[in-house]
Amino acid sequence: MRLDPAQLEVIREATTAVAEEMKFDLMRTARSPVLREAGDLSCALTDAAGRTVAQGQDIPMHLGVLSFTARRLLETVPPERLLPGDVYFTNLPACGGNHLPDVKAIRPVFADGSLAAFAVALAHWPDVGGALPGSYVPYAREIYQEGLVIPPTRLFAADGPCEEPLRLVLANVRGAEQRRGDIQAQAATTSIADKRLQEVFAAHGLEAVREVWERMQDESEQRVRRALAGVPDGRYEGEDALDDDGVGNEPVTIRVAVMVTGDRAVFDFRGSDPAARGPVNTTPFIAAASVAYVVRAVLGPEIASNDGLLRSLEVLTEPGSLLDPGPAAPLVAGNHETSQRIVDALLRALAQAVPERVVAGGMGSSGLALFSIGDDFLYETHAGGSGASAERDGDAAVRIHMSNVMNTPTEVIETEYPLRIERHELRTGSGGAGRHRGGDGLRRVYRVLAKEARLTTMVERARIAPWGLAGGADGEPSAVWLERDGERKALRGKGSIELRRDDVVIVETAGGGGWGAA
């Protein structure tokens, strides 16, 4: 078919609008504050082969793995077994996964009697079982301590919920009533996406839509190739390290060699450390998601995030390593901590090729403080300072790189949890000095009002500070403190501790690195 430019743009924007609407539908219908307030979720549409065609402006660490999820589903569930109304759920790391709390709902979409697309809604569940409430186990040595592993399982059909497998899932997670609400919200979101896509198919015809989707993917590939062609050919190496693996105290290092040749690039992570004992391992899908993010952020922000983005990029990981550890390895922190260190290693490599486009190191951590109080969970992430660049200072108290969630407002926390927020402020002066200063981190202070509670933390950049660039100074590292009976003590960045009434928890996030000599 030959499409005129106007029709091509109408179909392109209609498709993107469906993906964007999915996010807001899920936030408005979910039960958990981490979804309806913080927006820890992402949505995407794929073609019938599982190749991504459109994504919401959501969370890069999610969006990258969603490029693989539907394709891996089709390896488990053949297309001929899929039916209208089906919704499969999975958090299996091998199914385009990242960590167990991020559960994907995948709905096949049919048109003219044949499979036409998939609607995918990823949501962070506040609990998926495991050894500790909230499913974050800093000392985990295997994935089974982190929660319920769900291979692709049909939880909804055309006539409604599939109660037997749904009951099995709910029997193995905490807060089952709230989890049921989140599951129903995910299914409903994919149902609305199905309805919207049917409108697009009816208005323009299935063949025209398919052609536009192929064109969208081809354009992303072409733009990546043009961007790479502007980078000098060569080999560029970079590395960065996690503070520790949660079990031991030694740093865990990610190393990458970026080889650019013409309009193609290879990203070789095979020099990274072996698989960690603790839960900072991650999957090859997260490695690919991090590469996709950096290519867009550094080389071409206008490149649409779809299947075409990765076609001219080769990502290599070593089986048995930190980024490809095997099916039993713990990896709950690999999603939002290790992915950020992958990004920093890539930035340090590309700073040798295109220094004017690269920012200094930033907070690069979720800054997670997870409060479990009875059956309630407050899963709260904390922003920090971004690194400065050749053009300007870094920003204060923002999510950077692979993260894009919001904070839970103080008013919501104090209404729904026995906690009081006593301070929420910038950590003035925490950004690194330089010709351009790094952005400041923040400080948030929680007082426990319940008789007892548990705090679990996953905070990086507590030992290894965000790095300055081109002579700029490092930012201040993160810190977590406990005040009890008038005494203050430092807590480990990755740890879990019992709390009692009137305990005060202080989370201080890292400042960004400076750029250039002051």
Protein backbone atom coordinates (compact mmCIF):
# COMPACT_ATOMS: atom_id res chain seq x y z
CA MET A 1 0.00 0.00 0.00
CA ARG A 2 1.00 3.62 -0.47
CA LEU A 3 -0.05 5.85 2.38
CA ASP A 4 -0.21 9.59 2.07
CA PRO A 5 1.75 11.48 4.76
CA ALA A 6 -1.39 12.68 6.53
CA GLN A 7 -2.80 9.18 6.94
CA LEU A 8 0.56 7.89 8.14
CA GLU A 9 0.74 10.55 10.86
CA VAL A 10 -2.88 10.06 11.93
CA ILE A 11 -2.33 6.31 12.42
CA ARG A 12 1.04 6.89 14.13
CA GLU A 13 -0.43 9.35 16.62
CA ALA A 14 -3.53 7.23 17.19
CA THR A 15 -1.33 4.25 18.07
CA THR A 16 0.85 6.29 20.42
CA ALA A 17 -2.25 7.76 22.06
CA VAL A 18 -3.49 4.27 22.94
CA ALA A 19 -0.21 3.45 24.70
CA GLU A 20 -0.32 6.77 26.56
CA GLU A 21 -3.94 6.29 27.64
CA MET A 22 -3.11 2.88 29.09
CA LYS A 23 -0.86 4.46 31.72
CA PHE A 24 -3.53 6.83 32.97
CA ASP A 25 -6.20 4.13 32.94
CA LEU A 26 -4.01 1.91 35.11
CA MET A 27 -3.13 4.70 37.55
CA ARG A 28 -6.79 5.64 37.96
CA THR A 29 -8.02 2.14 38.62
CA ALA A 30 -5.21 0.49 40.62
CA ARG A 31 -5.51 -0.04 44.37
CA SER A 32 -1.85 0.31 45.45
CA PRO A 33 -0.42 3.78 46.17
CA VAL A 34 2.78 2.81 44.36
CA LEU A 35 0.67 2.56 41.18
CA ARG A 36 -2.01 5.21 41.59
CA GLU A 37 0.26 7.85 43.18
CA ALA A 38 3.86 7.06 42.21
CA GLY A 39 3.06 5.62 38.77
CA ASP A 40 5.47 2.68 39.03
CA LEU A 41 4.12 1.11 35.84
CA SER A 42 4.62 1.09 32.08
CA CYS A 43 2.55 0.18 29.04
CA ALA A 44 3.25 -0.80 25.45
CA LEU A 45 1.70 -2.06 22.23
CA THR A 46 3.27 -4.63 19.94
CA ASP A 47 2.43 -6.07 16.54
CA ALA A 48 1.28 -9.67 16.08
CA ALA A 49 4.88 -10.92 16.20
CA GLY A 50 5.46 -9.25 19.56
CA ARG A 51 7.60 -6.42 18.16
CA THR A 52 7.05 -3.15 20.01
CA VAL A 53 5.36 -0.39 18.02
CA ALA A 54 4.46 2.19 20.69
CA GLN A 55 5.12 2.86 24.36
CA GLY A 56 3.94 5.37 26.90
CA GLN A 57 6.25 8.04 28.33
CA ASP A 58 6.84 5.74 31.24
CA ILE A 59 9.92 4.13 32.84
CA PRO A 60 12.93 3.26 30.65
CA MET A 61 13.89 0.17 32.66
CA HIS A 62 10.39 -1.22 32.01
CA LEU A 63 9.99 -0.08 28.43
CA GLY A 64 13.18 -1.77 27.32
CA VAL A 65 12.17 -5.17 28.66
CA LEU A 66 8.66 -4.86 27.23
CA SER A 67 10.34 -5.04 23.82
CA PHE A 68 10.93 -8.73 24.57
CA THR A 69 7.95 -9.79 26.70
CA ALA A 70 5.32 -10.59 24.05
CA ARG A 71 7.88 -12.36 21.86
CA ARG A 72 8.89 -14.59 24.75
CA LEU A 73 5.23 -15.26 25.52
CA LEU A 74 4.77 -16.55 21.97
CA GLU A 75 7.58 -19.05 22.56
CA THR A 76 5.57 -20.49 25.46
CA VAL A 77 2.01 -20.04 24.20
CA PRO A 78 1.69 -20.60 20.43
CA PRO A 79 -0.49 -18.07 18.57
CA GLU A 80 -3.11 -20.72 17.73
CA ARG A 81 -3.82 -21.16 21.46
CA LEU A 82 -4.53 -17.49 22.05
CA LEU A 83 -8.16 -16.38 22.17
CA PRO A 84 -9.98 -13.03 22.29
CA GLY A 85 -10.37 -11.97 25.92
CA ASP A 86 -7.30 -13.83 27.17
CA VAL A 87 -4.95 -11.99 29.52
CA TYR A 88 -1.71 -13.71 30.49
CA PHE A 89 0.31 -12.61 33.51
CA THR A 90 4.00 -13.24 34.09
CA ASN A 91 7.01 -12.05 36.05
CA LEU A 92 9.30 -14.84 34.85
CA PRO A 93 12.75 -13.25 34.33
CA ALA A 94 13.32 -15.37 31.21
CA CYS A 95 10.11 -13.98 29.67
CA GLY A 96 11.54 -10.53 28.95
CA GLY A 97 11.72 -9.96 32.68
CA ASN A 98 13.53 -7.73 35.13
CA HIS A 99 12.52 -8.52 38.74
CA LEU A 100 9.64 -10.38 40.33
CA PRO A 101 7.57 -7.42 41.65
CA ASP A 102 7.16 -6.11 38.08
CA VAL A 103 4.31 -8.25 36.75
CA LYS A 104 3.23 -7.97 33.12
CA ALA A 105 -0.34 -8.41 31.86
CA ILE A 106 -0.40 -9.36 28.16
CA ARG A 107 -3.59 -9.34 26.09
CA PRO A 108 -3.69 -10.60 22.49
CA VAL A 109 -5.72 -8.27 20.25
CA PHE A 110 -7.58 -9.73 17.27
CA ALA A 111 -8.91 -8.12 14.08
CA ASP A 112 -10.69 -9.75 11.15
CA GLY A 113 -10.39 -13.09 12.96
CA SER A 114 -6.59 -13.06 13.22
CA LEU A 115 -4.03 -12.00 15.79
CA ALA A 116 -3.16 -8.34 15.15
CA ALA A 117 -1.37 -7.00 18.25
CA PHE A 118 -0.63 -7.32 21.95
CA ALA A 119 -1.42 -4.82 24.70
CA VAL A 120 1.02 -5.07 27.61
CA ALA A 121 0.62 -3.42 31.02
CA LEU A 122 3.43 -3.77 33.55
CA ALA A 123 2.70 -2.93 37.18
CA HIS A 124 4.91 -3.07 40.25
CA TRP A 125 3.10 -5.17 42.84
CA PRO A 126 3.93 -4.05 46.41
CA ASP A 127 4.29 -7.71 47.38
CA VAL A 128 4.81 -10.96 45.46
CA GLY A 129 5.54 -13.16 48.48
CA GLY A 130 9.04 -14.10 49.58
CA ALA A 131 10.96 -13.99 52.82
CA LEU A 132 10.18 -10.38 53.80
CA PRO A 133 7.10 -8.16 53.46
CA GLY A 134 7.34 -6.15 50.27
CA SER A 135 9.42 -8.87 48.56
CA TYR A 136 12.72 -7.02 48.92
CA VAL A 137 15.21 -9.30 50.65
CA PRO A 138 18.64 -7.63 50.82
CA TYR A 139 20.32 -10.86 51.93
CA ALA A 140 18.63 -13.14 49.37
CA ARG A 141 20.87 -15.82 47.86
CA GLU A 142 18.30 -17.24 45.40
CA ILE A 143 15.26 -15.96 43.58
CA TYR A 144 12.85 -18.17 45.54
CA GLN A 145 13.46 -16.02 48.63
CA GLU A 146 12.23 -13.01 46.67
CA GLY A 147 8.72 -14.19 45.91
CA LEU A 148 6.38 -16.11 43.64
CA VAL A 149 7.71 -16.80 40.15
CA ILE A 150 4.81 -16.69 37.65
CA PRO A 151 5.43 -18.23 34.22
CA PRO A 152 3.00 -17.02 31.52
CA THR A 153 -0.36 -17.91 33.09
CA ARG A 154 -3.84 -17.07 31.83
CA LEU A 155 -5.68 -15.24 34.62
CA PHE A 156 -8.52 -13.82 32.49
CA ALA A 157 -10.60 -15.18 29.62
CA ALA A 158 -13.48 -13.73 27.62
CA ASP A 159 -15.97 -14.64 30.36
CA GLY A 160 -13.94 -13.10 33.19
CA PRO A 161 -11.31 -14.08 35.76
CA CYS A 162 -9.89 -17.62 35.76
CA GLU A 163 -10.45 -18.14 39.47
CA GLU A 164 -8.33 -21.26 40.06
CA PRO A 165 -4.97 -19.86 38.91
CA LEU A 166 -5.91 -16.44 40.32
CA ARG A 167 -6.52 -17.97 43.76
CA LEU A 168 -3.16 -19.74 43.54
CA VAL A 169 -1.40 -16.43 42.91
CA LEU A 170 -3.29 -14.58 45.65
CA ALA A 171 -2.60 -17.34 48.18
CA ASN A 172 1.13 -16.71 47.80
CA VAL A 173 1.28 -12.91 48.16
CA ARG A 174 0.63 -10.56 51.04
CA GLY A 175 -2.27 -8.12 50.90
CA ALA A 176 -4.32 -10.40 48.64
CA GLU A 177 -7.34 -8.08 48.44
CA GLN A 178 -5.25 -5.15 47.24
CA ARG A 179 -3.34 -7.40 44.83
CA ARG A 180 -6.64 -8.57 43.33
CA GLY A 181 -7.57 -4.95 42.72
CA ASP A 182 -4.27 -4.26 40.98
CA ILE A 183 -4.63 -7.39 38.84
CA GLN A 184 -8.12 -6.36 37.77
CA ALA A 185 -6.82 -2.88 36.94
CA GLN A 186 -4.12 -4.36 34.71
CA ALA A 187 -6.63 -6.55 32.90
CA ALA A 188 -9.05 -3.63 32.48
CA THR A 189 -6.27 -1.42 31.09
CA THR A 190 -5.43 -3.96 28.39
CA SER A 191 -9.15 -4.30 27.63
CA ILE A 192 -9.44 -0.56 27.01
CA ALA A 193 -6.37 -0.74 24.77
CA ASP A 194 -8.06 -3.52 22.80
CA LYS A 195 -11.15 -1.36 22.36
CA ARG A 196 -9.11 1.64 21.21
CA LEU A 197 -7.14 -0.45 18.72
CA GLN A 198 -10.38 -1.82 17.28
CA GLU A 199 -11.40 1.79 16.62
CA VAL A 200 -8.09 2.43 14.83
CA PHE A 201 -8.45 -0.75 12.74
CA ALA A 202 -12.05 0.13 11.82
CA ALA A 203 -11.17 3.68 10.81
CA HIS A 204 -8.12 2.91 8.68
CA GLY A 205 -8.11 -0.79 7.85
CA LEU A 206 -5.85 -3.46 9.31
CA GLU A 207 -3.42 -3.52 6.40
CA ALA A 208 -2.86 0.23 6.54
CA VAL A 209 -2.20 0.07 10.27
CA ARG A 210 0.26 -2.78 9.83
CA GLU A 211 2.11 -0.83 7.18
CA VAL A 212 2.38 2.22 9.41
CA TRP A 213 3.66 0.11 12.28
CA GLU A 214 6.39 -1.33 10.05
CA ARG A 215 7.23 2.18 8.90
CA MET A 216 7.52 3.37 12.52
CA GLN A 217 9.97 0.58 13.34
CA ASP A 218 11.98 1.17 10.17
CA GLU A 219 12.24 4.89 10.93
CA SER A 220 13.65 4.22 14.40
CA GLU A 221 16.24 1.88 12.92
CA GLN A 222 17.23 4.46 10.30
CA ARG A 223 17.56 7.22 12.88
CA VAL A 224 19.77 5.05 15.09
CA ARG A 225 21.98 4.29 12.10
CA ARG A 226 22.28 7.98 11.22
CA ALA A 227 23.14 8.83 14.82
CA LEU A 228 25.81 6.13 15.00
CA ALA A 229 27.30 7.29 11.71
CA GLY A 230 28.02 10.62 13.41
CA VAL A 231 30.10 8.95 16.15
CA PRO A 232 33.80 8.41 15.37
CA ASP A 233 34.57 4.75 14.73
CA GLY A 234 36.48 3.17 17.58
CA ARG A 235 36.44 1.18 20.79
CA TYR A 236 35.34 3.03 23.94
CA GLU A 237 35.52 1.43 27.37
CA GLY A 238 33.77 2.39 30.59
CA GLU A 239 33.00 0.95 34.00
CA ASP A 240 31.16 1.75 37.19
CA ALA A 241 30.43 -0.18 40.36
CA LEU A 242 27.63 -0.92 42.79
CA ASP A 243 28.39 -0.24 46.47
CA ASP A 244 28.00 -3.96 47.30
CA ASP A 245 25.69 -6.91 46.65
CA GLY A 246 23.72 -6.75 49.91
CA VAL A 247 25.47 -9.84 51.29
CA GLY A 248 29.14 -8.85 51.24
CA ASN A 249 30.80 -5.45 51.41
CA GLU A 250 32.87 -5.52 48.22
CA PRO A 251 31.96 -3.36 45.20
CA VAL A 252 30.43 -5.13 42.20
CA THR A 253 31.70 -3.80 38.87
CA ILE A 254 30.11 -3.47 35.43
CA ARG A 255 32.46 -3.08 32.48
CA VAL A 256 31.50 -2.31 28.90
CA ALA A 257 33.36 -1.96 25.63
CA VAL A 258 31.46 -0.02 22.96
CA MET A 259 32.64 -0.73 19.41
CA VAL A 260 31.29 1.69 16.81
CA THR A 261 31.74 0.80 13.14
CA GLY A 262 29.92 2.94 10.62
CA ASP A 263 26.21 2.84 11.39
CA ARG A 264 26.33 -0.13 13.77
CA ALA A 265 27.54 -0.64 17.33
CA VAL A 266 28.38 -3.55 19.63
CA PHE A 267 27.99 -3.19 23.41
CA ASP A 268 30.11 -5.87 25.08
CA PHE A 269 29.49 -6.39 28.81
CA ARG A 270 31.34 -9.70 29.04
CA GLY A 271 34.09 -8.18 31.19
CA SER A 272 31.64 -7.49 34.04
CA ASP A 273 31.91 -9.25 37.39
CA PRO A 274 30.53 -12.78 37.88
CA ALA A 275 27.03 -13.24 39.24
CA ALA A 276 26.68 -11.74 42.71
CA ARG A 277 25.69 -13.67 45.81
CA GLY A 278 23.09 -11.04 46.70
CA PRO A 279 20.12 -9.58 44.80
CA VAL A 280 21.90 -7.12 42.49
CA ASN A 281 22.01 -9.47 39.51
CA THR A 282 19.93 -8.61 36.49
CA THR A 283 18.89 -9.99 33.11
CA PRO A 284 20.19 -9.49 29.56
CA PHE A 285 16.88 -7.73 28.88
CA ILE A 286 17.79 -4.99 31.38
CA ALA A 287 21.21 -4.68 29.75
CA ALA A 288 19.50 -4.15 26.38
CA ALA A 289 17.02 -1.68 27.93
CA SER A 290 19.91 0.34 29.36
CA VAL A 291 21.67 0.41 25.99
CA ALA A 292 18.47 1.54 24.28
CA TYR A 293 18.04 4.34 26.81
CA VAL A 294 21.60 5.63 26.47
CA VAL A 295 21.49 5.58 22.67
CA ARG A 296 18.34 7.68 22.72
CA ALA A 297 19.47 10.03 25.50
CA VAL A 298 22.97 10.68 24.16
CA LEU A 299 22.68 10.25 20.41
CA GLY A 300 19.07 10.83 19.39
CA PRO A 301 16.31 11.91 21.81
CA GLU A 302 13.91 12.14 18.83
CA ILE A 303 14.21 8.39 18.14
CA ALA A 304 10.92 6.63 18.89
CA SER A 305 11.23 3.73 21.31
CA ASN A 306 10.08 0.66 19.41
CA ASP A 307 11.48 -2.58 18.01
CA GLY A 308 13.53 -0.77 15.37
CA LEU A 309 15.66 0.94 18.01
CA LEU A 310 17.71 -2.18 18.78
CA ARG A 311 18.07 -3.62 15.27
CA SER A 312 21.49 -2.11 14.57
CA LEU A 313 22.76 -2.58 18.14
CA GLU A 314 24.31 -5.82 19.42
CA VAL A 315 24.36 -6.40 23.18
CA LEU A 316 26.69 -9.10 24.52
CA THR A 317 26.53 -10.58 28.04
CA GLU A 318 28.38 -13.52 29.57
CA PRO A 319 26.31 -16.43 30.95
CA GLY A 320 27.02 -16.74 34.66
CA SER A 321 27.84 -13.04 35.02
CA LEU A 322 26.14 -10.21 36.88
CA LEU A 323 24.07 -9.38 33.78
CA ASP A 324 23.20 -12.97 32.81
CA PRO A 325 23.25 -14.93 36.07
CA GLY A 326 20.92 -17.86 35.39
CA PRO A 327 17.34 -18.63 36.46
CA ALA A 328 17.87 -19.13 40.22
CA ALA A 329 19.89 -15.97 40.95
CA PRO A 330 18.36 -13.25 43.18
CA LEU A 331 17.77 -10.02 41.27
CA VAL A 332 15.25 -7.75 42.93
CA ALA A 333 17.69 -4.81 43.07
CA GLY A 334 19.06 -5.42 39.59
CA ASN A 335 16.03 -3.76 38.07
CA HIS A 336 16.55 -0.23 39.39
CA GLU A 337 20.06 -0.29 40.86
CA THR A 338 22.20 -2.37 38.48
CA SER A 339 20.45 -0.89 35.43
CA GLN A 340 21.60 2.55 36.57
CA ARG A 341 25.21 1.38 36.94
CA ILE A 342 25.01 -0.04 33.41
CA VAL A 343 23.96 3.41 32.22
CA ASP A 344 26.84 5.07 34.07
CA ALA A 345 29.35 2.64 32.60
CA LEU A 346 27.96 3.41 29.14
CA LEU A 347 28.10 7.15 29.73
CA ARG A 348 31.72 6.94 30.83
CA ALA A 349 32.52 5.03 27.65
CA LEU A 350 30.67 7.44 25.34
CA ALA A 351 32.22 10.46 27.08
CA GLN A 352 35.39 9.50 25.19
CA ALA A 353 33.56 9.71 21.85
CA VAL A 354 31.03 12.54 22.29
CA PRO A 355 32.04 14.34 25.53
CA GLU A 356 29.82 17.34 24.86
CA ARG A 357 26.69 15.14 24.98
CA VAL A 358 27.38 13.25 28.23
CA VAL A 359 26.39 14.32 31.76
CA ALA A 360 28.31 13.59 34.96
CA GLY A 361 27.18 10.90 37.37
CA GLY A 362 23.94 11.39 39.26
CA MET A 363 21.93 9.78 42.04
CA GLY A 364 21.39 6.71 39.86
CA SER A 365 19.41 4.79 42.50
CA SER A 366 15.82 4.24 43.46
CA GLY A 367 16.71 5.31 46.99
CA LEU A 368 14.11 2.76 48.11
CA ALA A 369 12.69 2.86 51.62
CA LEU A 370 10.02 0.18 52.02
CA PHE A 371 7.93 0.42 55.18
CA SER A 372 5.79 -2.63 55.98
CA ILE A 373 3.23 -2.05 58.73
CA GLY A 374 0.81 -4.91 59.25
CA ASP A 375 -0.69 -5.69 55.84
CA ASP A 376 0.20 -2.25 54.45
CA PHE A 377 3.27 -1.42 52.39
CA LEU A 378 4.70 1.99 51.63
CA TYR A 379 7.08 1.50 48.71
CA GLU A 380 8.75 4.87 48.46
CA THR A 381 11.54 5.86 46.10
CA HIS A 382 13.58 9.01 46.52
CA ALA A 383 14.93 11.34 43.86
CA GLY A 384 18.42 12.82 43.92
CA GLY A 385 20.71 15.18 42.08
CA SER A 386 21.45 14.82 38.39
CA GLY A 387 24.93 15.29 36.97
CA ALA A 388 26.00 18.56 35.38
CA SER A 389 26.86 18.85 31.70
CA ALA A 390 28.97 21.06 29.46
CA GLU A 391 25.91 23.28 29.00
CA ARG A 392 24.35 23.66 32.43
CA ASP A 393 24.11 22.73 36.09
CA GLY A 394 22.44 19.50 37.14
CA ASP A 395 18.87 19.44 38.43
CA ALA A 396 17.98 18.99 42.09
CA ALA A 397 15.81 16.16 43.43
CA VAL A 398 14.86 14.45 40.18
CA ARG A 399 14.63 10.88 38.93
CA ILE A 400 17.30 10.27 36.34
CA HIS A 401 18.06 7.80 33.57
CA MET A 402 16.20 4.49 34.00
CA SER A 403 13.67 5.74 36.54
CA ASN A 404 10.63 7.94 36.02
CA VAL A 405 8.35 7.43 39.02
CA MET A 406 6.84 10.11 41.22
CA ASN A 407 6.98 10.41 44.99
CA THR A 408 3.98 9.58 47.13
CA PRO A 409 2.67 12.92 48.45
CA THR A 410 3.10 13.59 52.15
CA GLU A 411 -0.66 14.02 52.54
CA VAL A 412 -1.31 10.54 51.12
CA ILE A 413 1.32 8.91 53.33
CA GLU A 414 0.00 10.54 56.49
CA THR A 415 -3.61 9.68 55.58
CA GLU A 416 -3.06 6.03 54.71
CA TYR A 417 -0.14 4.95 56.93
CA PRO A 418 0.84 5.38 60.59
CA LEU A 419 3.78 7.57 59.59
CA ARG A 420 4.48 11.28 59.85
CA ILE A 421 6.70 13.15 57.39
CA GLU A 422 8.64 15.62 59.51
CA ARG A 423 10.88 17.06 56.81
CA HIS A 424 10.96 16.99 53.01
CA GLU A 425 13.65 19.33 51.72
CA LEU A 426 16.59 19.78 49.41
CA ARG A 427 19.95 18.57 50.69
CA THR A 428 21.62 21.89 49.96
CA GLY A 429 25.25 21.73 48.88
CA SER A 430 25.27 18.00 48.11
CA GLY A 431 25.91 18.54 44.39
CA GLY A 432 29.53 18.42 43.22
CA ALA A 433 31.38 21.64 42.46
CA GLY A 434 32.52 22.52 38.96
CA ARG A 435 32.15 25.02 36.16
CA HIS A 436 28.62 23.65 36.25
CA ARG A 437 27.47 22.25 39.60
CA GLY A 438 25.76 18.94 40.12
CA GLY A 439 22.16 18.99 41.29
CA ASP A 440 21.37 18.65 45.00
CA GLY A 441 19.83 15.57 46.53
CA LEU A 442 16.96 15.61 48.99
CA ARG A 443 16.24 14.72 52.60
CA ARG A 444 13.03 13.08 53.81
CA VAL A 445 12.35 12.31 57.45
CA TYR A 446 9.77 9.72 58.58
CA ARG A 447 8.51 9.20 62.14
CA VAL A 448 6.91 5.84 62.94
CA LEU A 449 3.54 6.15 64.70
CA ALA A 450 2.71 2.43 64.77
CA LYS A 451 3.69 0.12 67.60
CA GLU A 452 5.98 -1.80 65.26
CA ALA A 453 7.03 -1.78 61.62
CA ARG A 454 9.83 -2.97 59.33
CA LEU A 455 12.09 -0.89 57.12
CA THR A 456 13.84 -2.40 54.11
CA THR A 457 16.24 -0.23 52.11
CA MET A 458 17.77 -0.55 48.65
CA VAL A 459 19.86 2.61 48.36
CA GLU A 460 22.90 2.85 46.10
CA ARG A 461 25.55 5.59 45.89
CA ALA A 462 26.00 5.31 49.66
CA ARG A 463 29.67 4.31 49.35
CA ILE A 464 30.64 5.18 45.79
CA ALA A 465 29.67 8.79 45.13
CA PRO A 466 28.33 10.09 41.80
CA TRP A 467 31.34 11.00 39.68
CA GLY A 468 32.30 14.38 38.32
CA LEU A 469 33.25 14.82 34.68
CA ALA A 470 35.93 16.87 32.90
CA GLY A 471 37.47 17.94 36.21
CA GLY A 472 34.22 18.44 38.14
CA ALA A 473 33.94 17.26 41.75
CA ASP A 474 31.97 14.20 42.87
CA GLY A 475 28.58 14.66 44.51
CA GLU A 476 27.89 13.77 48.14
CA PRO A 477 26.94 10.10 48.64
CA SER A 478 23.55 8.90 49.87
CA ALA A 479 22.88 7.98 53.50
CA VAL A 480 20.12 6.37 55.59
CA TRP A 481 19.93 7.09 59.33
CA LEU A 482 17.91 5.76 62.25
CA GLU A 483 17.24 7.99 65.28
CA ARG A 484 16.11 6.09 68.37
CA ASP A 485 16.02 7.32 71.98
CA GLY A 486 18.05 10.38 71.09
CA GLU A 487 20.83 8.51 69.32
CA ARG A 488 21.52 8.48 65.58
CA LYS A 489 23.17 5.60 63.74
CA ALA A 490 23.88 4.97 60.08
CA LEU A 491 22.02 2.13 58.38
CA ARG A 492 23.34 0.02 55.54
CA GLY A 493 22.20 1.05 52.08
CA LYS A 494 20.81 -2.43 51.49
CA GLY A 495 19.32 -3.77 54.70
CA SER A 496 16.24 -4.58 56.74
CA ILE A 497 15.50 -3.59 60.33
CA GLU A 498 12.61 -3.75 62.81
CA LEU A 499 11.19 -0.38 63.85
CA ARG A 500 9.13 0.72 66.84
CA ARG A 501 6.98 3.68 67.78
CA ASP A 502 8.74 7.08 67.56
CA ASP A 503 11.70 5.78 65.60
CA VAL A 504 12.82 8.35 63.04
CA VAL A 505 14.16 7.28 59.63
CA ILE A 506 16.13 9.83 57.61
CA VAL A 507 16.81 9.25 53.92
CA GLU A 508 19.42 11.52 52.31
CA THR A 509 20.02 11.10 48.60
CA ALA A 510 23.18 11.73 46.63
CA GLY A 511 24.00 14.93 44.80
CA GLY A 512 25.06 14.91 41.17
CA GLY A 513 28.64 15.25 39.99
CA GLY A 514 29.97 18.56 38.73
CA TRP A 515 31.25 19.26 35.18
CA GLY A 516 34.49 21.05 34.47
CA ALA A 517 37.06 22.53 36.84
CA ALA A 518 35.55 25.09 39.20
